[in-house]
């Protein structure tokens, strides 16, 4: 079994997002979120190392935010993990708020 390299606490979430990757633009769901990464439930074909852009909506305010990430692992027919890249302070605060809303600690 692989060692868990996560450095941030996870929050269980169910957030609908739009992901843009090499296979196109798709509606998917984030099921696991931390300050540094997330897990996307989807059978969208992606490749480890691929850059992705995804747009997430804050449930409480309806505000939309576009985030950049890199695919760090793939579970075929299940989903994939994304590490956030180049987060601004605003984006970090947005993610922190999402985690807190779900009862987690950033």
C-alpha atoms as a PDB file:
ATOM      1  CA  UNK A   1       0.000   0.000   0.000  1.00  0.00           C
ATOM      2  CA  UNK A   2       1.266   3.472  -0.876  1.00  0.00           C
ATOM      3  CA  UNK A   3       2.209   5.841   1.923  1.00  0.00           C
ATOM      4  CA  UNK A   4      -0.303   8.656   2.420  1.00  0.00           C
ATOM      5  CA  UNK A   5       1.621  11.823   1.538  1.00  0.00           C
ATOM      6  CA  UNK A   6      -1.192  14.263   2.294  1.00  0.00           C
ATOM      7  CA  UNK A   7      -0.111  17.217   4.393  1.00  0.00           C
ATOM      8  CA  UNK A   8      -3.469  18.889   4.986  1.00  0.00           C
ATOM      9  CA  UNK A   9      -6.615  17.744   6.756  1.00  0.00           C
ATOM     10  CA  UNK A  10      -9.364  16.541   4.414  1.00  0.00           C
ATOM     11  CA  UNK A  11     -13.015  17.571   4.373  1.00  0.00           C
ATOM     12  CA  UNK A  12     -15.736  15.400   2.882  1.00  0.00           C
ATOM     13  CA  UNK A  13     -17.677  17.526   0.429  1.00  0.00           C
ATOM     14  CA  UNK A  14     -20.046  17.105  -2.467  1.00  0.00           C
ATOM     15  CA  UNK A  15     -19.430  19.984  -4.832  1.00  0.00           C
ATOM     16  CA  UNK A  16     -20.449  20.109  -8.455  1.00  0.00           C
ATOM     17  CA  UNK A  17     -17.676  21.565 -10.599  1.00  0.00           C
ATOM     18  CA  UNK A  18     -16.790  21.952 -14.242  1.00  0.00           C
ATOM     19  CA  UNK A  19     -13.399  20.553 -15.188  1.00  0.00           C
ATOM     20  CA  UNK A  20     -11.502  21.426 -18.368  1.00  0.00           C
ATOM     21  CA  UNK A  21      -8.839  18.907 -19.395  1.00  0.00           C
ATOM     22  CA  UNK A  22      -7.376  17.325 -22.525  1.00  0.00           C
ATOM     23  CA  UNK A  23     -10.558  15.303 -23.069  1.00  0.00           C
ATOM     24  CA  UNK A  24     -12.800  18.387 -22.979  1.00  0.00           C
ATOM     25  CA  UNK A  25     -15.051  20.228 -20.566  1.00  0.00           C
ATOM     26  CA  UNK A  26     -17.126  18.071 -18.196  1.00  0.00           C
ATOM     27  CA  UNK A  27     -19.421  18.374 -15.199  1.00  0.00           C
ATOM     28  CA  UNK A  28     -17.954  16.395 -12.276  1.00  0.00           C
ATOM     29  CA  UNK A  29     -18.035  16.297  -8.471  1.00  0.00           C
ATOM     30  CA  UNK A  30     -15.395  16.973  -5.810  1.00  0.00           C
ATOM     31  CA  UNK A  31     -15.820  14.541  -2.919  1.00  0.00           C
ATOM     32  CA  UNK A  32     -12.724  15.265  -0.854  1.00  0.00           C
ATOM     33  CA  UNK A  33     -11.047  18.634  -0.335  1.00  0.00           C
ATOM     34  CA  UNK A  34      -8.013  20.051   1.476  1.00  0.00           C
ATOM     35  CA  UNK A  35      -6.048  23.287   1.252  1.00  0.00           C
ATOM     36  CA  UNK A  36      -3.633  21.698  -1.205  1.00  0.00           C
ATOM     37  CA  UNK A  37      -5.666  19.222  -3.251  1.00  0.00           C
ATOM     38  CA  UNK A  38      -8.949  17.471  -3.951  1.00  0.00           C
ATOM     39  CA  UNK A  39     -10.412  14.230  -5.278  1.00  0.00           C
ATOM     40  CA  UNK A  40     -12.755  14.345  -8.244  1.00  0.00           C
ATOM     41  CA  UNK A  41     -15.318  11.562  -8.718  1.00  0.00           C
ATOM     42  CA  UNK A  42     -15.398  11.034 -12.450  1.00  0.00           C
ATOM     43  CA  UNK A  43     -14.622   8.599 -15.228  1.00  0.00           C
ATOM     44  CA  UNK A  44     -13.259  11.460 -17.357  1.00  0.00           C
ATOM     45  CA  UNK A  45     -10.035  10.197 -18.940  1.00  0.00           C
ATOM     46  CA  UNK A  46      -7.042  12.117 -17.575  1.00  0.00           C
ATOM     47  CA  UNK A  47      -3.310  11.456 -17.385  1.00  0.00           C
ATOM     48  CA  UNK A  48      -1.062  11.862 -14.352  1.00  0.00           C
ATOM     49  CA  UNK A  49       0.779  15.184 -14.701  1.00  0.00           C
ATOM     50  CA  UNK A  50      -1.922  16.749 -16.865  1.00  0.00           C
ATOM     51  CA  UNK A  51      -2.907  20.345 -16.124  1.00  0.00           C
ATOM     52  CA  UNK A  52      -6.599  20.976 -15.489  1.00  0.00           C
ATOM     53  CA  UNK A  53      -8.767  24.014 -14.892  1.00  0.00           C
ATOM     54  CA  UNK A  54     -11.910  23.688 -12.881  1.00  0.00           C
ATOM     55  CA  UNK A  55     -14.651  26.051 -11.833  1.00  0.00           C
ATOM     56  CA  UNK A  56     -16.293  25.589  -8.454  1.00  0.00           C
ATOM     57  CA  UNK A  57     -19.293  27.354  -6.952  1.00  0.00           C
ATOM     58  CA  UNK A  58     -19.442  28.387  -3.300  1.00  0.00           C
ATOM     59  CA  UNK A  59     -22.656  26.850  -1.950  1.00  0.00           C
ATOM     60  CA  UNK A  60     -23.402  29.670   0.532  1.00  0.00           C
ATOM     61  CA  UNK A  61     -22.870  32.634  -1.796  1.00  0.00           C
ATOM     62  CA  UNK A  62     -23.189  31.220  -5.304  1.00  0.00           C
ATOM     63  CA  UNK A  63     -19.831  32.820  -6.153  1.00  0.00           C
ATOM     64  CA  UNK A  64     -17.801  31.079  -8.899  1.00  0.00           C
ATOM     65  CA  UNK A  65     -14.051  30.636  -8.860  1.00  0.00           C
ATOM     66  CA  UNK A  66     -11.710  29.159 -11.451  1.00  0.00           C
ATOM     67  CA  UNK A  67      -8.850  27.057 -10.033  1.00  0.00           C
ATOM     68  CA  UNK A  68      -5.794  25.481 -11.651  1.00  0.00           C
ATOM     69  CA  UNK A  69      -4.439  22.083 -10.793  1.00  0.00           C
ATOM     70  CA  UNK A  70      -2.361  19.122 -11.832  1.00  0.00           C
ATOM     71  CA  UNK A  71      -3.495  15.495 -11.874  1.00  0.00           C
ATOM     72  CA  UNK A  72      -1.354  13.661  -9.305  1.00  0.00           C
ATOM     73  CA  UNK A  73      -3.007  10.235  -9.387  1.00  0.00           C
ATOM     74  CA  UNK A  74      -5.716   8.408 -11.303  1.00  0.00           C
ATOM     75  CA  UNK A  75      -8.067   5.640 -10.153  1.00  0.00           C
ATOM     76  CA  UNK A  76      -9.547   4.279 -13.414  1.00  0.00           C
ATOM     77  CA  UNK A  77     -13.369   4.211 -13.435  1.00  0.00           C
ATOM     78  CA  UNK A  78     -13.437   6.009 -10.082  1.00  0.00           C
ATOM     79  CA  UNK A  79     -11.781   9.416 -10.191  1.00  0.00           C
ATOM     80  CA  UNK A  80      -8.565  11.340  -9.865  1.00  0.00           C
ATOM     81  CA  UNK A  81      -6.631  13.497  -7.452  1.00  0.00           C
ATOM     82  CA  UNK A  82      -5.652  17.058  -8.233  1.00  0.00           C
ATOM     83  CA  UNK A  83      -2.975  19.163  -6.569  1.00  0.00           C
ATOM     84  CA  UNK A  84      -3.826  22.871  -6.701  1.00  0.00           C
ATOM     85  CA  UNK A  85      -1.264  25.049  -8.485  1.00  0.00           C
ATOM     86  CA  UNK A  86      -0.569  28.768  -8.329  1.00  0.00           C
ATOM     87  CA  UNK A  87      -3.276  29.588  -5.767  1.00  0.00           C
ATOM     88  CA  UNK A  88      -3.797  33.254  -4.991  1.00  0.00           C
ATOM     89  CA  UNK A  89      -4.612  34.430  -1.469  1.00  0.00           C
ATOM     90  CA  UNK A  90      -8.231  34.880  -2.561  1.00  0.00           C
ATOM     91  CA  UNK A  91      -8.400  31.313  -3.866  1.00  0.00           C
ATOM     92  CA  UNK A  92      -6.829  29.959  -0.677  1.00  0.00           C
ATOM     93  CA  UNK A  93      -9.421  31.834   1.389  1.00  0.00           C
ATOM     94  CA  UNK A  94     -12.188  30.459  -0.843  1.00  0.00           C
ATOM     95  CA  UNK A  95     -10.980  26.871  -0.321  1.00  0.00           C
ATOM     96  CA  UNK A  96     -10.601  27.481   3.418  1.00  0.00           C
ATOM     97  CA  UNK A  97     -14.199  28.722   3.568  1.00  0.00           C
ATOM     98  CA  UNK A  98     -15.449  25.630   1.709  1.00  0.00           C
ATOM     99  CA  UNK A  99     -13.624  23.348   4.161  1.00  0.00           C
ATOM    100  CA  UNK A 100     -14.927  25.221   7.221  1.00  0.00           C
ATOM    101  CA  UNK A 101     -18.513  25.143   5.840  1.00  0.00           C
ATOM    102  CA  UNK A 102     -18.211  21.345   5.706  1.00  0.00           C
ATOM    103  CA  UNK A 103     -17.024  21.096   9.311  1.00  0.00           C
ATOM    104  CA  UNK A 104     -13.349  20.596   8.535  1.00  0.00           C
ATOM    105  CA  UNK A 105     -10.248  22.393   9.698  1.00  0.00           C
ATOM    106  CA  UNK A 106      -7.966  23.874   7.047  1.00  0.00           C
END
